[in-house]
Amino acid sequence: MPDHHQADAQGVSRRKFLTDCAAAPAAVSGFLNPDGEAVTAERAPGGSTKPRIIDCETHIFPRHWDFRGCRVENLLQDMDRCGVDKTFLMFYSASVLASPCGELKDPNAKRFGDSNEQTWEYFIESWKKHKDRFYFFNATDPREPDCIKKLEQQRKLGLQGLGETQPATQNILPNGPEFMPVYRFAAEKGLPVVLTMERWEQSLCLKSKDFDDVFDMFEKVIREFKDVRFMLGHGGNCGSCKARPFEQYRAANERCYRLMEQLDNLWICACMPWWIAQNKVHPSFPKLLEHLRSRIGFSKVTWGSDWPYCGASKEFSFKSDYDTVVDFFRKETPCTEEERAQLLGRSAYEFVTGQT
């Protein structure tokens, strides 16, 4: 069980950090009015209250080369059926994932539509129609020469967060010169950032295949930009350790947990699609949540599905229904009602808005 004196101290420290975020001019509630100005009231435009259940990773596409059920209406149907109030809707196009070691090797690949422009237009129009159901995140590509200009434009449209970042996929270092302007933009605008360590073992730019060397770079960023709210996506180290027995997986993530104990500006997302496959929950997943609960506390832990890859269909990718994903966090995780409220939505709300 957690040390309650330590947990109380961490809670006070976290509340102070969030209070400072809310007091800072750039830190906003996560909502913008039609003129792009911050709305800092507790209620969102239209009078809606704080969402109770927030999925911290979803995506939509005009179509997918393997699957057609990845449109916004499919996601909304799943959310409504399962009682999910809002999600982090994360944009990326095929080019964001393309590099010699990325998910897409061919720079001309069209996984999500006929072009990057079509994918973007579909995303932004969907978000504009359903702002009350989504937080607008962008998995930016710092390799683009006009990256910051695009972020400025997206901010005026209502951008509410950055990520999930893709340094290894894009074959650049997480603390390299390409990403520094992105982190500075987040700091200036009060935007949260979701970091991902996916594919770090495949990246050609990493000379070391030791996770400690990789994590050193992420830790430098998180410590340097101490006023930015960061979240480790996909549970932290999602390299080959995720296929190992739980104790080896836990040990491979020890530095992630240790840093979370030390810093107030760091959350972690238990979005583990490979552990909810074919509508079955991997035995390591409940062990991970119990470890996070006792070690960190659910005030710094969120959940995510990675829809449509996990949750959209038994016929696609990880081949699971959304009900299976949501019910695992809502019903099958032993914890108090207060802790469940934190895990299901309150922690995500604090992360994305900077408000308690």
Protein backbone atom coordinates (compact mmCIF):
# COMPACT_ATOMS: atom_id res chain seq x y z
CA MET A 1 0.00 0.00 0.00
CA PRO A 2 1.17 3.58 -0.56
CA ASP A 3 2.83 5.63 2.16
CA HIS A 4 -0.09 7.90 3.11
CA HIS A 5 2.14 10.67 4.50
CA GLN A 6 4.06 10.70 1.22
CA ALA A 7 0.82 10.53 -0.76
CA ASP A 8 -0.62 13.47 1.21
CA ALA A 9 2.51 15.51 0.57
CA GLN A 10 2.40 14.65 -3.11
CA GLY A 11 -1.27 15.65 -3.21
CA VAL A 12 -0.56 19.06 -1.70
CA SER A 13 2.35 19.57 -4.10
CA ARG A 14 0.23 18.51 -7.09
CA ARG A 15 -2.60 20.87 -6.08
CA LYS A 16 -0.12 23.74 -5.83
CA PHE A 17 1.25 22.91 -9.29
CA LEU A 18 -2.25 22.91 -10.78
CA THR A 19 -3.13 26.12 -8.94
CA ASP A 20 -0.05 27.74 -10.43
CA CYS A 21 -1.08 26.45 -13.88
CA ALA A 22 -4.54 27.93 -13.50
CA ALA A 23 -3.10 31.26 -12.34
CA ALA A 24 -0.62 31.55 -15.20
CA PRO A 25 -1.82 33.77 -18.07
CA ALA A 26 -1.10 31.12 -20.71
CA ALA A 27 -2.72 28.24 -18.83
CA VAL A 28 -6.35 27.93 -19.85
CA SER A 29 -9.19 25.58 -19.14
CA GLY A 30 -8.66 23.84 -22.46
CA PHE A 31 -11.57 25.59 -24.16
CA LEU A 32 -11.48 28.47 -26.64
CA ASN A 33 -14.31 30.68 -27.77
CA PRO A 34 -14.92 31.23 -31.52
CA ASP A 35 -12.40 34.09 -31.48
CA GLY A 36 -9.68 31.82 -30.13
CA GLU A 37 -9.74 33.42 -26.67
CA ALA A 38 -9.39 31.38 -23.50
CA VAL A 39 -12.50 30.42 -21.56
CA THR A 40 -11.41 29.87 -17.97
CA ALA A 41 -14.74 29.15 -16.31
CA GLU A 42 -15.37 25.78 -14.73
CA ARG A 43 -18.06 25.10 -17.33
CA ALA A 44 -17.36 24.66 -21.01
CA PRO A 45 -19.20 26.70 -23.65
CA GLY A 46 -22.80 25.53 -23.80
CA GLY A 47 -22.95 24.90 -20.05
CA SER A 48 -21.61 21.35 -20.01
CA THR A 49 -20.00 20.20 -16.77
CA LYS A 50 -16.74 18.40 -16.15
CA PRO A 51 -16.69 15.09 -18.03
CA ARG A 52 -16.66 12.02 -15.82
CA ILE A 53 -15.09 9.53 -18.23
CA ILE A 54 -12.30 10.63 -20.58
CA ASP A 55 -10.48 8.34 -23.01
CA CYS A 56 -6.99 9.80 -23.47
CA GLU A 57 -6.21 8.42 -26.92
CA THR A 58 -8.46 8.13 -29.96
CA HIS A 59 -8.03 8.79 -33.68
CA ILE A 60 -10.35 9.17 -36.67
CA PHE A 61 -9.66 8.90 -40.41
CA PRO A 62 -11.60 9.27 -43.66
CA ARG A 63 -10.77 5.61 -44.08
CA HIS A 64 -7.95 3.20 -43.32
CA TRP A 65 -6.34 0.94 -45.86
CA ASP A 66 -7.38 -2.07 -43.72
CA PHE A 67 -10.61 -0.82 -42.20
CA ARG A 68 -13.57 1.44 -42.91
CA GLY A 69 -15.10 1.81 -39.45
CA CYS A 70 -12.70 4.52 -38.27
CA ARG A 71 -14.87 7.58 -38.89
CA VAL A 72 -16.12 10.05 -36.29
CA GLU A 73 -19.66 8.67 -36.31
CA ASN A 74 -18.30 5.21 -35.45
CA LEU A 75 -16.33 6.62 -32.51
CA LEU A 76 -19.28 8.64 -31.22
CA GLN A 77 -21.54 5.58 -31.39
CA ASP A 78 -19.03 3.63 -29.29
CA MET A 79 -18.64 6.50 -26.82
CA ASP A 80 -22.40 6.88 -26.40
CA ARG A 81 -22.94 3.16 -25.97
CA CYS A 82 -20.20 2.87 -23.35
CA GLY A 83 -20.88 6.11 -21.48
CA VAL A 84 -17.63 7.89 -22.37
CA ASP A 85 -18.07 11.67 -22.14
CA LYS A 86 -15.00 12.93 -24.01
CA THR A 87 -11.78 11.73 -25.61
CA PHE A 88 -8.43 13.15 -26.59
CA LEU A 89 -8.85 13.22 -30.38
CA MET A 90 -5.31 13.02 -31.74
CA PHE A 91 -4.53 14.02 -35.30
CA TYR A 92 -1.77 12.56 -37.38
CA SER A 93 -1.35 11.95 -41.08
CA ALA A 94 0.59 9.30 -42.97
CA SER A 95 3.65 11.55 -43.36
CA VAL A 96 3.93 11.99 -39.57
CA LEU A 97 4.61 8.25 -39.26
CA ALA A 98 6.92 7.95 -42.28
CA SER A 99 10.68 7.44 -41.95
CA PRO A 100 13.19 4.65 -42.64
CA CYS A 101 12.38 3.21 -39.21
CA GLY A 102 8.82 4.49 -38.83
CA GLU A 103 5.50 2.72 -39.02
CA LEU A 104 5.48 3.66 -42.71
CA LYS A 105 8.68 3.20 -44.68
CA ASP A 106 7.32 4.69 -47.89
CA PRO A 107 7.04 8.51 -47.73
CA ASN A 108 4.30 8.31 -50.36
CA ALA A 109 2.17 5.87 -48.36
CA LYS A 110 -1.52 6.78 -47.94
CA ARG A 111 -2.73 4.81 -44.96
CA PHE A 112 -5.52 7.12 -43.83
CA GLY A 113 -6.91 8.75 -46.99
CA ASP A 114 -5.99 10.00 -50.43
CA SER A 115 -3.62 12.67 -49.05
CA ASN A 116 -2.43 14.38 -45.87
CA GLU A 117 -4.73 17.28 -46.75
CA GLN A 118 -7.77 15.03 -46.96
CA THR A 119 -6.92 13.43 -43.61
CA TRP A 120 -6.53 16.86 -41.97
CA GLU A 121 -9.70 18.31 -43.49
CA TYR A 122 -11.72 15.33 -42.32
CA PHE A 123 -10.25 15.59 -38.81
CA ILE A 124 -10.77 19.33 -38.30
CA GLU A 125 -14.30 19.34 -39.71
CA SER A 126 -15.21 16.44 -37.42
CA TRP A 127 -13.76 18.22 -34.43
CA LYS A 128 -15.58 21.48 -35.23
CA LYS A 129 -18.89 19.61 -35.32
CA HIS A 130 -18.29 17.81 -32.02
CA LYS A 131 -16.20 20.13 -29.83
CA ASP A 132 -18.25 19.13 -26.81
CA ARG A 133 -17.04 15.52 -27.11
CA PHE A 134 -13.36 15.90 -27.90
CA TYR A 135 -10.13 17.56 -26.81
CA PHE A 136 -8.12 18.55 -29.90
CA PHE A 137 -4.56 17.15 -29.86
CA ASN A 138 -2.01 17.15 -32.68
CA ALA A 139 0.83 14.67 -33.10
CA THR A 140 3.07 17.31 -34.63
CA ASP A 141 5.95 16.66 -37.01
CA PRO A 142 8.88 18.93 -36.06
CA ARG A 143 10.66 17.90 -39.26
CA GLU A 144 8.31 20.18 -41.18
CA PRO A 145 9.86 23.64 -41.74
CA ASP A 146 6.53 25.36 -40.99
CA CYS A 147 5.73 23.23 -37.94
CA ILE A 148 5.31 26.12 -35.47
CA LYS A 149 3.36 28.19 -37.97
CA LYS A 150 0.93 25.29 -38.35
CA LEU A 151 0.63 24.98 -34.58
CA GLU A 152 -0.15 28.69 -34.32
CA GLN A 153 -2.92 28.27 -36.88
CA GLN A 154 -4.25 25.19 -35.11
CA ARG A 155 -4.20 27.03 -31.79
CA LYS A 156 -6.55 29.62 -33.28
CA LEU A 157 -8.82 26.77 -34.33
CA GLY A 158 -8.87 25.44 -30.77
CA LEU A 159 -5.81 23.19 -30.33
CA GLN A 160 -5.81 21.94 -26.72
CA GLY A 161 -2.74 19.71 -26.52
CA LEU A 162 0.26 18.27 -28.35
CA GLY A 163 0.94 14.61 -28.94
CA GLU A 164 1.32 11.87 -28.94
CA THR A 165 4.83 12.90 -30.02
CA GLN A 166 6.62 10.46 -32.33
CA PRO A 167 10.39 11.01 -31.98
CA ALA A 168 11.55 7.44 -32.59
CA THR A 169 9.06 6.92 -35.42
CA GLN A 170 10.25 10.18 -37.01
CA ASN A 171 13.89 9.20 -36.41
CA ILE A 172 14.76 12.27 -34.33
CA LEU A 173 15.75 12.57 -30.68
CA PRO A 174 13.14 13.62 -28.10
CA ASN A 175 15.49 16.31 -26.77
CA GLY A 176 16.95 17.18 -30.17
CA PRO A 177 16.89 20.66 -31.71
CA GLU A 178 13.87 19.81 -33.88
CA PHE A 179 11.60 19.30 -30.86
CA MET A 180 12.74 22.25 -28.72
CA PRO A 181 10.54 24.83 -30.50
CA VAL A 182 7.56 22.51 -29.99
CA TYR A 183 8.14 22.30 -26.24
CA ARG A 184 8.64 26.06 -26.05
CA PHE A 185 5.37 26.56 -27.91
CA ALA A 186 3.62 24.31 -25.38
CA ALA A 187 5.14 26.27 -22.49
CA GLU A 188 4.14 29.64 -23.96
CA LYS A 189 0.57 28.55 -24.71
CA GLY A 190 -0.04 26.50 -21.57
CA LEU A 191 -0.61 23.33 -23.58
CA PRO A 192 -0.14 19.78 -22.24
CA VAL A 193 2.09 17.33 -24.12
CA VAL A 194 1.69 13.56 -24.49
CA LEU A 195 5.06 11.87 -25.01
CA THR A 196 5.46 8.41 -26.48
CA MET A 197 8.44 6.09 -26.44
CA GLU A 198 7.06 3.81 -29.12
CA ARG A 199 9.56 2.17 -31.49
CA TRP A 200 12.59 3.47 -29.61
CA GLU A 201 14.34 0.13 -30.16
CA GLN A 202 13.93 0.48 -33.93
CA SER A 203 15.00 4.11 -34.28
CA LEU A 204 18.12 4.61 -36.40
CA CYS A 205 19.08 7.84 -34.67
CA LEU A 206 19.51 6.19 -31.26
CA LYS A 207 23.01 4.78 -31.04
CA SER A 208 22.21 3.00 -27.78
CA LYS A 209 19.60 0.30 -27.36
CA ASP A 210 19.58 0.78 -23.59
CA PHE A 211 16.32 2.27 -22.32
CA ASP A 212 18.18 4.24 -19.64
CA ASP A 213 19.91 6.24 -22.37
CA VAL A 214 16.59 6.86 -24.10
CA PHE A 215 14.86 7.86 -20.89
CA ASP A 216 17.68 10.28 -20.03
CA MET A 217 16.62 12.38 -23.02
CA PHE A 218 12.94 12.40 -22.07
CA GLU A 219 13.77 13.22 -18.46
CA LYS A 220 15.86 16.22 -19.49
CA VAL A 221 12.90 17.60 -21.43
CA ILE A 222 10.40 17.02 -18.62
CA ARG A 223 12.69 18.65 -16.05
CA GLU A 224 13.68 21.58 -18.27
CA PHE A 225 10.10 22.49 -19.14
CA LYS A 226 8.85 22.22 -15.57
CA ASP A 227 5.75 24.35 -16.23
CA VAL A 228 4.52 22.06 -19.02
CA ARG A 229 2.15 19.25 -18.12
CA PHE A 230 3.60 16.06 -19.63
CA MET A 231 2.05 12.61 -19.91
CA LEU A 232 3.89 9.38 -20.74
CA GLY A 233 1.72 7.64 -23.31
CA HIS A 234 1.26 3.88 -23.56
CA GLY A 235 2.45 3.27 -20.01
CA GLY A 236 6.00 4.59 -20.55
CA ASN A 237 8.50 2.10 -21.93
CA CYS A 238 6.52 0.29 -24.63
CA GLY A 239 9.44 -1.46 -26.25
CA SER A 240 9.90 -5.23 -26.31
CA CYS A 241 9.53 -5.33 -22.50
CA LYS A 242 5.74 -5.27 -22.90
CA ALA A 243 5.88 -8.89 -24.07
CA ARG A 244 7.86 -10.05 -21.03
CA PRO A 245 6.58 -11.32 -17.64
CA PHE A 246 5.13 -8.51 -15.52
CA GLU A 247 8.01 -8.20 -13.06
CA GLN A 248 10.42 -7.69 -15.95
CA TYR A 249 8.05 -5.16 -17.50
CA ARG A 250 7.75 -3.32 -14.18
CA ALA A 251 11.51 -3.23 -13.72
CA ALA A 252 11.94 -1.89 -17.26
CA ASN A 253 9.67 1.04 -16.32
CA GLU A 254 11.17 1.76 -12.91
CA ARG A 255 12.67 5.09 -13.97
CA CYS A 256 9.29 6.27 -15.26
CA TYR A 257 7.66 5.58 -11.90
CA ARG A 258 10.53 7.11 -9.95
CA LEU A 259 10.34 10.33 -11.94
CA MET A 260 6.59 10.53 -11.44
CA GLU A 261 7.14 10.33 -7.69
CA GLN A 262 9.51 13.27 -7.89
CA LEU A 263 7.71 15.66 -10.27
CA ASP A 264 4.31 17.31 -10.23
CA ASN A 265 4.16 17.98 -13.98
CA LEU A 266 4.14 14.33 -15.05
CA TRP A 267 1.21 11.94 -15.62
CA ILE A 268 1.11 8.47 -17.17
CA CYS A 269 -1.53 6.93 -19.46
CA ALA A 270 -2.43 3.27 -19.14
CA CYS A 271 -3.24 3.00 -22.84
CA MET A 272 -2.06 -0.54 -23.58
CA PRO A 273 -3.89 -1.84 -26.66
CA TRP A 274 -1.61 -4.88 -26.96
CA TRP A 275 -2.88 -5.97 -23.52
CA ILE A 276 -6.55 -5.86 -24.56
CA ALA A 277 -6.49 -8.00 -27.67
CA GLN A 278 -9.23 -10.22 -29.10
CA ASN A 279 -11.53 -9.02 -26.29
CA LYS A 280 -9.26 -10.54 -23.65
CA VAL A 281 -7.34 -8.65 -20.97
CA HIS A 282 -3.72 -9.72 -20.57
CA PRO A 283 -2.95 -10.84 -16.98
CA SER A 284 -0.21 -8.19 -16.73
CA PHE A 285 -2.69 -5.34 -17.15
CA PRO A 286 -4.46 -5.62 -13.76
CA LYS A 287 -1.05 -5.99 -12.14
CA LEU A 288 0.12 -2.78 -13.81
CA LEU A 289 -2.88 -0.79 -12.59
CA GLU A 290 -2.49 -2.10 -9.06
CA HIS A 291 1.19 -1.18 -9.14
CA LEU A 292 0.41 2.33 -10.40
CA ARG A 293 -2.32 2.71 -7.79
CA SER A 294 -0.09 1.72 -4.87
CA ARG A 295 3.13 3.28 -6.16
CA ILE A 296 1.92 6.52 -7.76
CA GLY A 297 -1.76 6.96 -6.98
CA PHE A 298 -4.50 7.38 -9.57
CA SER A 299 -4.35 11.18 -9.32
CA LYS A 300 -1.49 10.93 -11.85
CA VAL A 301 -2.82 8.01 -13.93
CA THR A 302 -5.18 8.15 -16.91
CA TRP A 303 -6.52 5.55 -19.35
CA GLY A 304 -6.84 5.34 -23.10
CA SER A 305 -8.06 2.92 -25.76
CA ASP A 306 -6.11 3.89 -28.93
CA TRP A 307 -9.40 3.65 -30.84
CA PRO A 308 -9.86 2.50 -33.64
CA TYR A 309 -6.84 0.19 -33.26
CA CYS A 310 -8.26 -1.11 -30.00
CA GLY A 311 -12.00 -0.89 -29.45
CA ALA A 312 -13.47 -0.28 -32.89
CA SER A 313 -14.01 -3.83 -34.08
CA LYS A 314 -13.27 -7.48 -33.48
CA GLU A 315 -12.18 -7.53 -37.13
CA PHE A 316 -9.45 -4.86 -36.96
CA SER A 317 -5.97 -4.46 -35.46
CA PHE A 318 -6.15 -5.62 -31.82
CA LYS A 319 -9.63 -7.07 -32.49
CA SER A 320 -11.47 -5.81 -29.42
CA ASP A 321 -14.76 -4.04 -28.78
CA TYR A 322 -14.87 -0.67 -27.01
CA ASP A 323 -17.04 -2.17 -24.26
CA THR A 324 -14.20 -4.53 -23.30
CA VAL A 325 -11.73 -1.66 -22.98
CA VAL A 326 -13.99 0.70 -21.05
CA ASP A 327 -15.39 -1.97 -18.72
CA PHE A 328 -11.90 -3.06 -17.73
CA PHE A 329 -11.16 0.39 -16.28
CA ARG A 330 -14.69 1.10 -15.05
CA LYS A 331 -15.58 -2.21 -13.43
CA GLU A 332 -12.64 -4.59 -13.16
CA THR A 333 -10.03 -2.43 -11.44
CA PRO A 334 -10.18 -2.87 -7.63
CA CYS A 335 -10.07 0.59 -6.01
CA THR A 336 -12.15 3.05 -4.03
CA GLU A 337 -14.84 5.14 -5.73
CA GLU A 338 -12.65 8.23 -5.31
CA GLU A 339 -9.74 6.47 -7.01
CA ARG A 340 -11.98 5.24 -9.80
CA ALA A 341 -13.21 8.77 -10.43
CA GLN A 342 -9.60 9.90 -10.70
CA LEU A 343 -8.64 7.12 -13.10
CA LEU A 344 -11.70 7.38 -15.32
CA GLY A 345 -11.68 11.12 -15.88
CA ARG A 346 -10.56 13.49 -13.16
CA SER A 347 -6.83 12.97 -13.72
CA ALA A 348 -7.26 13.47 -17.46
CA TYR A 349 -9.30 16.63 -16.88
CA GLU A 350 -6.59 18.07 -14.65
CA PHE A 351 -3.92 17.15 -17.17
CA VAL A 352 -5.62 18.68 -20.19
CA THR A 353 -7.02 21.80 -18.51
CA GLY A 354 -4.52 22.53 -15.74
CA GLN A 355 -7.46 22.87 -13.34
CA THR A 356 -8.51 20.83 -10.33
